[in-house]
Amino acid sequence: MQTCKKISWHKIADTIEEIPFTKNGLMEINIANKTVCITLKNGQISVCSNKCPHAGGKLSDGFIDATGNIVCPLHRYKFS
């Protein structure tokens, strides 16, 4: 029997315009004692870990490429 993980929602803003994204469309935010990377691409918001699992770089310091991948600022690995 599998157990389901509890999902918690955390409101960070009332509108997308209230979120202070940098010009690269990324930002770092602390939610429930976890640092995450929030992305904005074509009006869509996504959230992921802010730490690159390969090089440990801060993904929020990277950029979003033309296909919507987050690119690590340290070693240019792409995350979809």
PDB file of N, CA and C in Angstrom:
ATOM      1  N   MET A   1       0.832  -1.179   0.000  1.00  0.00           N
ATOM      2  CA  MET A   1       0.000   0.000   0.000  1.00  0.00           C
ATOM      3  C   MET A   1       0.879   1.246   0.000  1.00  0.00           C
ATOM      4  N   GLN A   2       0.622   2.141  -0.938  1.00  0.00           N
ATOM      5  CA  GLN A   2       1.390   3.375  -1.031  1.00  0.00           C
ATOM      6  C   GLN A   2       0.719   4.471  -0.214  1.00  0.00           C
ATOM      7  N   THR A   3       1.550   5.328   0.352  1.00  0.00           N
ATOM      8  CA  THR A   3       1.004   6.473   1.055  1.00  0.00           C
ATOM      9  C   THR A   3       1.185   7.703   0.181  1.00  0.00           C
ATOM     10  N   CYS A   4       0.252   8.589   0.242  1.00  0.00           N
ATOM     11  CA  CYS A   4       0.309   9.823  -0.540  1.00  0.00           C
ATOM     12  C   CYS A   4       0.998  10.905   0.281  1.00  0.00           C
ATOM     13  N   LYS A   5       1.813  11.656  -0.394  1.00  0.00           N
ATOM     14  CA  LYS A   5       2.496  12.765   0.246  1.00  0.00           C
ATOM     15  C   LYS A   5       1.555  13.960   0.321  1.00  0.00           C
ATOM     16  N   LYS A   6       1.511  14.615   1.454  1.00  0.00           N
ATOM     17  CA  LYS A   6       0.649  15.779   1.626  1.00  0.00           C
ATOM     18  C   LYS A   6       1.217  16.959   0.838  1.00  0.00           C
ATOM     19  N   ILE A   7       0.347  17.625   0.119  1.00  0.00           N
ATOM     20  CA  ILE A   7       0.735  18.796  -0.655  1.00  0.00           C
ATOM     21  C   ILE A   7       0.274  20.037   0.094  1.00  0.00           C
ATOM     22  N   SER A   8       1.173  20.996   0.235  1.00  0.00           N
ATOM     23  CA  SER A   8       0.838  22.262   0.871  1.00  0.00           C
ATOM     24  C   SER A   8       0.977  23.377  -0.152  1.00  0.00           C
ATOM     25  N   TRP A   9      -0.004  24.239  -0.221  1.00  0.00           N
ATOM     26  CA  TRP A   9       0.032  25.378  -1.121  1.00  0.00           C
ATOM     27  C   TRP A   9       0.411  26.621  -0.324  1.00  0.00           C
ATOM     28  N   HIS A  10       1.243  27.475  -0.930  1.00  0.00           N
ATOM     29  CA  HIS A  10       1.683  28.706  -0.280  1.00  0.00           C
ATOM     30  C   HIS A  10       1.467  29.873  -1.239  1.00  0.00           C
ATOM     31  N   LYS A  11       0.626  30.794  -0.863  1.00  0.00           N
ATOM     32  CA  LYS A  11       0.351  31.960  -1.697  1.00  0.00           C
ATOM     33  C   LYS A  11       1.508  32.944  -1.576  1.00  0.00           C
ATOM     34  N   ILE A  12       2.045  33.356  -2.729  1.00  0.00           N
ATOM     35  CA  ILE A  12       3.157  34.305  -2.708  1.00  0.00           C
ATOM     36  C   ILE A  12       2.767  35.672  -3.260  1.00  0.00           C
ATOM     37  N   ALA A  13       1.644  35.735  -3.982  1.00  0.00           N
ATOM     38  CA  ALA A  13       1.189  37.006  -4.539  1.00  0.00           C
ATOM     39  C   ALA A  13      -0.253  36.856  -5.013  1.00  0.00           C
ATOM     40  N   ASP A  14      -0.916  37.990  -5.194  1.00  0.00           N
ATOM     41  CA  ASP A  14      -2.273  37.976  -5.734  1.00  0.00           C
ATOM     42  C   ASP A  14      -2.272  37.902  -7.258  1.00  0.00           C
ATOM     43  N   THR A  15      -1.240  38.490  -7.882  1.00  0.00           N
ATOM     44  CA  THR A  15      -1.142  38.481  -9.342  1.00  0.00           C
ATOM     45  C   THR A  15       0.309  38.220  -9.759  1.00  0.00           C
ATOM     46  N   ILE A  16       0.499  37.797 -10.983  1.00  0.00           N
ATOM     47  CA  ILE A  16       1.853  37.568 -11.526  1.00  0.00           C
ATOM     48  C   ILE A  16       2.659  38.866 -11.499  1.00  0.00           C
ATOM     49  N   GLU A  17       2.007  39.980 -11.755  1.00  0.00           N
ATOM     50  CA  GLU A  17       2.693  41.272 -11.806  1.00  0.00           C
ATOM     51  C   GLU A  17       3.317  41.661 -10.475  1.00  0.00           C
ATOM     52  N   GLU A  18       2.834  41.114  -9.368  1.00  0.00           N
ATOM     53  CA  GLU A  18       3.384  41.418  -8.053  1.00  0.00           C
ATOM     54  C   GLU A  18       4.683  40.668  -7.761  1.00  0.00           C
ATOM     55  N   ILE A  19       5.013  39.655  -8.554  1.00  0.00           N
ATOM     56  CA  ILE A  19       6.223  38.860  -8.327  1.00  0.00           C
ATOM     57  C   ILE A  19       7.394  39.565  -9.015  1.00  0.00           C
ATOM     58  N   PRO A  20       8.429  39.924  -8.263  1.00  0.00           N
ATOM     59  CA  PRO A  20       9.537  40.715  -8.833  1.00  0.00           C
ATOM     60  C   PRO A  20      10.560  39.865  -9.598  1.00  0.00           C
ATOM     61  N   PHE A  21      10.154  39.335 -10.752  1.00  0.00           N
ATOM     62  CA  PHE A  21      11.077  38.549 -11.565  1.00  0.00           C
ATOM     63  C   PHE A  21      12.197  39.438 -12.091  1.00  0.00           C
ATOM     64  N   THR A  22      13.387  38.859 -12.228  1.00  0.00           N
ATOM     65  CA  THR A  22      14.500  39.575 -12.847  1.00  0.00           C
ATOM     66  C   THR A  22      14.318  39.523 -14.355  1.00  0.00           C
ATOM     67  N   LYS A  23      15.169  40.219 -15.076  1.00  0.00           N
ATOM     68  CA  LYS A  23      15.040  40.248 -16.537  1.00  0.00           C
ATOM     69  C   LYS A  23      15.239  38.876 -17.174  1.00  0.00           C
ATOM     70  N   ASN A  24      15.865  37.927 -16.431  1.00  0.00           N
ATOM     71  CA  ASN A  24      16.059  36.589 -16.982  1.00  0.00           C
ATOM     72  C   ASN A  24      14.845  35.687 -16.757  1.00  0.00           C
ATOM     73  N   GLY A  25      13.775  36.240 -16.139  1.00  0.00           N
ATOM     74  CA  GLY A  25      12.548  35.464 -15.932  1.00  0.00           C
ATOM     75  C   GLY A  25      12.617  34.478 -14.784  1.00  0.00           C
ATOM     76  N   LEU A  26      13.619  34.631 -13.921  1.00  0.00           N
ATOM     77  CA  LEU A  26      13.801  33.735 -12.782  1.00  0.00           C
ATOM     78  C   LEU A  26      13.872  34.538 -11.498  1.00  0.00           C
ATOM     79  N   MET A  27      13.563  33.893 -10.391  1.00  0.00           N
ATOM     80  CA  MET A  27      13.795  34.525  -9.095  1.00  0.00           C
ATOM     81  C   MET A  27      13.896  33.464  -8.015  1.00  0.00           C
ATOM     82  N   GLU A  28      14.612  33.801  -6.979  1.00  0.00           N
ATOM     83  CA  GLU A  28      14.765  32.933  -5.811  1.00  0.00           C
ATOM     84  C   GLU A  28      13.795  33.400  -4.741  1.00  0.00           C
ATOM     85  N   ILE A  29      13.147  32.446  -4.088  1.00  0.00           N
ATOM     86  CA  ILE A  29      12.227  32.789  -3.004  1.00  0.00           C
ATOM     87  C   ILE A  29      12.301  31.698  -1.952  1.00  0.00           C
ATOM     88  N   ASN A  30      12.097  32.091  -0.710  1.00  0.00           N
ATOM     89  CA  ASN A  30      12.090  31.150   0.406  1.00  0.00           C
ATOM     90  C   ASN A  30      10.638  30.866   0.773  1.00  0.00           C
ATOM     91  N   ILE A  31      10.225  29.621   0.658  1.00  0.00           N
ATOM     92  CA  ILE A  31       8.859  29.213   0.990  1.00  0.00           C
ATOM     93  C   ILE A  31       8.941  28.046   1.971  1.00  0.00           C
ATOM     94  N   ALA A  32       8.341  28.198   3.119  1.00  0.00           N
ATOM     95  CA  ALA A  32       8.311  27.140   4.139  1.00  0.00           C
ATOM     96  C   ALA A  32       9.711  26.598   4.427  1.00  0.00           C
ATOM     97  N   ASN A  33      10.667  27.517   4.593  1.00  0.00           N
ATOM     98  CA  ASN A  33      12.064  27.174   4.899  1.00  0.00           C
ATOM     99  C   ASN A  33      12.768  26.400   3.797  1.00  0.00           C
ATOM    100  N   LYS A  34      12.284  26.516   2.574  1.00  0.00           N
ATOM    101  CA  LYS A  34      12.944  25.903   1.414  1.00  0.00           C
ATOM    102  C   LYS A  34      13.180  26.983   0.372  1.00  0.00           C
ATOM    103  N   THR A  35      14.388  27.010  -0.171  1.00  0.00           N
ATOM    104  CA  THR A  35      14.697  27.974  -1.219  1.00  0.00           C
ATOM    105  C   THR A  35      14.368  27.342  -2.559  1.00  0.00           C
ATOM    106  N   VAL A  36      13.529  28.030  -3.335  1.00  0.00           N
ATOM    107  CA  VAL A  36      13.100  27.514  -4.633  1.00  0.00           C
ATOM    108  C   VAL A  36      13.349  28.561  -5.707  1.00  0.00           C
ATOM    109  N   CYS A  37      13.315  28.110  -6.937  1.00  0.00           N
ATOM    110  CA  CYS A  37      13.455  28.976  -8.102  1.00  0.00           C
ATOM    111  C   CYS A  37      12.087  29.054  -8.773  1.00  0.00           C
ATOM    112  N   ILE A  38      11.609  30.263  -8.990  1.00  0.00           N
ATOM    113  CA  ILE A  38      10.346  30.470  -9.688  1.00  0.00           C
ATOM    114  C   ILE A  38      10.674  31.004 -11.076  1.00  0.00           C
ATOM    115  N   THR A  39      10.024  30.441 -12.092  1.00  0.00           N
ATOM    116  CA  THR A  39      10.264  30.862 -13.461  1.00  0.00           C
ATOM    117  C   THR A  39       9.002  31.454 -14.065  1.00  0.00           C
ATOM    118  N   LEU A  40       9.201  32.362 -14.986  1.00  0.00           N
ATOM    119  CA  LEU A  40       8.105  32.942 -15.750  1.00  0.00           C
ATOM    120  C   LEU A  40       8.472  32.867 -17.220  1.00  0.00           C
ATOM    121  N   LYS A  41       7.700  32.107 -17.974  1.00  0.00           N
ATOM    122  CA  LYS A  41       7.944  31.959 -19.409  1.00  0.00           C
ATOM    123  C   LYS A  41       6.593  31.938 -20.108  1.00  0.00           C
ATOM    124  N   ASN A  42       6.373  32.881 -20.998  1.00  0.00           N
ATOM    125  CA  ASN A  42       5.115  32.982 -21.755  1.00  0.00           C
ATOM    126  C   ASN A  42       3.890  33.014 -20.848  1.00  0.00           C
ATOM    127  N   GLY A  43       3.987  33.748 -19.741  1.00  0.00           N
ATOM    128  CA  GLY A  43       2.870  33.891 -18.837  1.00  0.00           C
ATOM    129  C   GLY A  43       2.614  32.710 -17.926  1.00  0.00           C
ATOM    130  N   GLN A  44       3.454  31.681 -17.981  1.00  0.00           N
ATOM    131  CA  GLN A  44       3.315  30.488 -17.150  1.00  0.00           C
ATOM    132  C   GLN A  44       4.351  30.504 -16.037  1.00  0.00           C
ATOM    133  N   ILE A  45       3.919  30.219 -14.819  1.00  0.00           N
ATOM    134  CA  ILE A  45       4.828  30.151 -13.683  1.00  0.00           C
ATOM    135  C   ILE A  45       5.105  28.694 -13.352  1.00  0.00           C
ATOM    136  N   SER A  46       6.373  28.392 -13.081  1.00  0.00           N
ATOM    137  CA  SER A  46       6.797  27.065 -12.635  1.00  0.00           C
ATOM    138  C   SER A  46       7.738  27.242 -11.454  1.00  0.00           C
ATOM    139  N   VAL A  47       7.828  26.215 -10.622  1.00  0.00           N
ATOM    140  CA  VAL A  47       8.693  26.257  -9.447  1.00  0.00           C
ATOM    141  C   VAL A  47       9.530  24.988  -9.406  1.00  0.00           C
ATOM    142  N   CYS A  48      10.814  25.126  -9.061  1.00  0.00           N
ATOM    143  CA  CYS A  48      11.694  23.973  -8.911  1.00  0.00           C
ATOM    144  C   CYS A  48      12.728  24.281  -7.828  1.00  0.00           C
ATOM    145  N   SER A  49      13.518  23.308  -7.509  1.00  0.00           N
ATOM    146  CA  SER A  49      14.612  23.524  -6.565  1.00  0.00           C
ATOM    147  C   SER A  49      15.524  24.610  -7.126  1.00  0.00           C
ATOM    148  N   ASN A  50      16.109  25.402  -6.269  1.00  0.00           N
ATOM    149  CA  ASN A  50      17.010  26.455  -6.735  1.00  0.00           C
ATOM    150  C   ASN A  50      18.450  25.965  -6.862  1.00  0.00           C
ATOM    151  N   LYS A  51      18.718  24.747  -6.442  1.00  0.00           N
ATOM    152  CA  LYS A  51      20.081  24.222  -6.457  1.00  0.00           C
ATOM    153  C   LYS A  51      20.254  23.192  -7.574  1.00  0.00           C
ATOM    154  N   CYS A  52      21.232  23.428  -8.433  1.00  0.00           N
ATOM    155  CA  CYS A  52      21.547  22.478  -9.492  1.00  0.00           C
ATOM    156  C   CYS A  52      22.063  21.180  -8.858  1.00  0.00           C
ATOM    157  N   PRO A  53      21.483  20.023  -9.210  1.00  0.00           N
ATOM    158  CA  PRO A  53      21.931  18.771  -8.606  1.00  0.00           C
ATOM    159  C   PRO A  53      23.320  18.324  -9.073  1.00  0.00           C
ATOM    160  N   HIS A  54      23.825  18.908 -10.142  1.00  0.00           N
ATOM    161  CA  HIS A  54      25.135  18.512 -10.663  1.00  0.00           C
ATOM    162  C   HIS A  54      26.263  19.373 -10.112  1.00  0.00           C
ATOM    163  N   ALA A  55      26.112  20.694 -10.216  1.00  0.00           N
ATOM    164  CA  ALA A  55      27.206  21.594  -9.850  1.00  0.00           C
ATOM    165  C   ALA A  55      26.891  22.442  -8.617  1.00  0.00           C
ATOM    166  N   GLY A  56      25.668  22.372  -8.114  1.00  0.00           N
ATOM    167  CA  GLY A  56      25.313  23.131  -6.916  1.00  0.00           C
ATOM    168  C   GLY A  56      25.053  24.601  -7.151  1.00  0.00           C
ATOM    169  N   GLY A  57      24.998  25.021  -8.420  1.00  0.00           N
ATOM    170  CA  GLY A  57      24.751  26.424  -8.723  1.00  0.00           C
ATOM    171  C   GLY A  57      23.329  26.849  -8.403  1.00  0.00           C
ATOM    172  N   LYS A  58      23.138  28.148  -8.220  1.00  0.00           N
ATOM    173  CA  LYS A  58      21.807  28.699  -7.980  1.00  0.00           C
ATOM    174  C   LYS A  58      21.119  28.874  -9.332  1.00  0.00           C
ATOM    175  N   LEU A  59      20.089  28.070  -9.585  1.00  0.00           N
ATOM    176  CA  LEU A  59      19.414  28.133 -10.877  1.00  0.00           C
ATOM    177  C   LEU A  59      18.801  29.499 -11.134  1.00  0.00           C
ATOM    178  N   SER A  60      18.415  30.215 -10.081  1.00  0.00           N
ATOM    179  CA  SER A  60      17.837  31.554 -10.259  1.00  0.00           C
ATOM    180  C   SER A  60      18.865  32.547 -10.810  1.00  0.00           C
ATOM    181  N   ASP A  61      20.142  32.206 -10.762  1.00  0.00           N
ATOM    182  CA  ASP A  61      21.187  33.049 -11.364  1.00  0.00           C
ATOM    183  C   ASP A  61      21.438  32.687 -12.820  1.00  0.00           C
ATOM    184  N   GLY A  62      20.761  31.662 -13.315  1.00  0.00           N
ATOM    185  CA  GLY A  62      20.908  31.234 -14.705  1.00  0.00           C
ATOM    186  C   GLY A  62      19.976  32.012 -15.613  1.00  0.00           C
ATOM    187  N   PHE A  63      19.475  31.323 -16.642  1.00  0.00           N
ATOM    188  CA  PHE A  63      18.547  31.971 -17.571  1.00  0.00           C
ATOM    189  C   PHE A  63      17.632  30.918 -18.184  1.00  0.00           C
ATOM    190  N   ILE A  64      16.601  31.379 -18.856  1.00  0.00           N
ATOM    191  CA  ILE A  64      15.688  30.497 -19.574  1.00  0.00           C
ATOM    192  C   ILE A  64      16.061  30.570 -21.044  1.00  0.00           C
ATOM    193  N   ASP A  65      16.301  29.407 -21.669  1.00  0.00           N
ATOM    194  CA  ASP A  65      16.672  29.410 -23.086  1.00  0.00           C
ATOM    195  C   ASP A  65      15.425  29.530 -23.970  1.00  0.00           C
ATOM    196  N   ALA A  66      15.633  29.543 -25.283  1.00  0.00           N
ATOM    197  CA  ALA A  66      14.539  29.756 -26.234  1.00  0.00           C
ATOM    198  C   ALA A  66      13.474  28.666 -26.187  1.00  0.00           C
ATOM    199  N   THR A  67      13.821  27.475 -25.707  1.00  0.00           N
ATOM    200  CA  THR A  67      12.843  26.388 -25.645  1.00  0.00           C
ATOM    201  C   THR A  67      12.193  26.263 -24.270  1.00  0.00           C
ATOM    202  N   GLY A  68      12.539  27.162 -23.326  1.00  0.00           N
ATOM    203  CA  GLY A  68      11.912  27.170 -22.015  1.00  0.00           C
ATOM    204  C   GLY A  68      12.656  26.420 -20.935  1.00  0.00           C
ATOM    205  N   ASN A  69      13.860  25.926 -21.228  1.00  0.00           N
ATOM    206  CA  ASN A  69      14.662  25.233 -20.221  1.00  0.00           C
ATOM    207  C   ASN A  69      15.370  26.233 -19.309  1.00  0.00           C
ATOM    208  N   ILE A  70      15.527  25.863 -18.036  1.00  0.00           N
ATOM    209  CA  ILE A  70      16.365  26.651 -17.133  1.00  0.00           C
ATOM    210  C   ILE A  70      17.798  26.195 -17.364  1.00  0.00           C
ATOM    211  N   VAL A  71      18.703  27.135 -17.546  1.00  0.00           N
ATOM    212  CA  VAL A  71      20.103  26.818 -17.816  1.00  0.00           C
ATOM    213  C   VAL A  71      20.936  27.187 -16.593  1.00  0.00           C
ATOM    214  N   CYS A  72      21.686  26.202 -16.066  1.00  0.00           N
ATOM    215  CA  CYS A  72      22.532  26.404 -14.896  1.00  0.00           C
ATOM    216  C   CYS A  72      23.606  27.448 -15.215  1.00  0.00           C
ATOM    217  N   PRO A  73      23.833  28.410 -14.303  1.00  0.00           N
ATOM    218  CA  PRO A  73      24.847  29.433 -14.559  1.00  0.00           C
ATOM    219  C   PRO A  73      26.278  28.924 -14.444  1.00  0.00           C
ATOM    220  N   LEU A  74      26.489  27.781 -13.810  1.00  0.00           N
ATOM    221  CA  LEU A  74      27.845  27.275 -13.632  1.00  0.00           C
ATOM    222  C   LEU A  74      28.325  26.378 -14.771  1.00  0.00           C
ATOM    223  N   HIS A  75      27.479  25.449 -15.213  1.00  0.00           N
ATOM    224  CA  HIS A  75      27.967  24.508 -16.220  1.00  0.00           C
ATOM    225  C   HIS A  75      27.039  24.362 -17.431  1.00  0.00           C
ATOM    226  N   ARG A  76      26.043  25.231 -17.512  1.00  0.00           N
ATOM    227  CA  ARG A  76      25.141  25.339 -18.673  1.00  0.00           C
ATOM    228  C   ARG A  76      24.294  24.090 -18.913  1.00  0.00           C
ATOM    229  N   TYR A  77      24.112  23.241 -17.881  1.00  0.00           N
ATOM    230  CA  TYR A  77      23.209  22.106 -18.025  1.00  0.00           C
ATOM    231  C   TYR A  77      21.782  22.630 -18.067  1.00  0.00           C
ATOM    232  N   LYS A  78      20.935  22.009 -18.897  1.00  0.00           N
ATOM    233  CA  LYS A  78      19.557  22.483 -19.079  1.00  0.00           C
ATOM    234  C   LYS A  78      18.577  21.595 -18.341  1.00  0.00           C
ATOM    235  N   PHE A  79      17.588  22.247 -17.710  1.00  0.00           N
ATOM    236  CA  PHE A  79      16.527  21.552 -16.996  1.00  0.00           C
ATOM    237  C   PHE A  79      15.189  21.977 -17.592  1.00  0.00           C
ATOM    238  N   SER A  80      14.338  21.003 -17.923  1.00  0.00           N
ATOM    239  CA  SER A  80      13.039  21.324 -18.521  1.00  0.00           C
ATOM    240  C   SER A  80      11.955  21.391 -17.468  1.00  0.00           C
TER     241      SER A  80
END
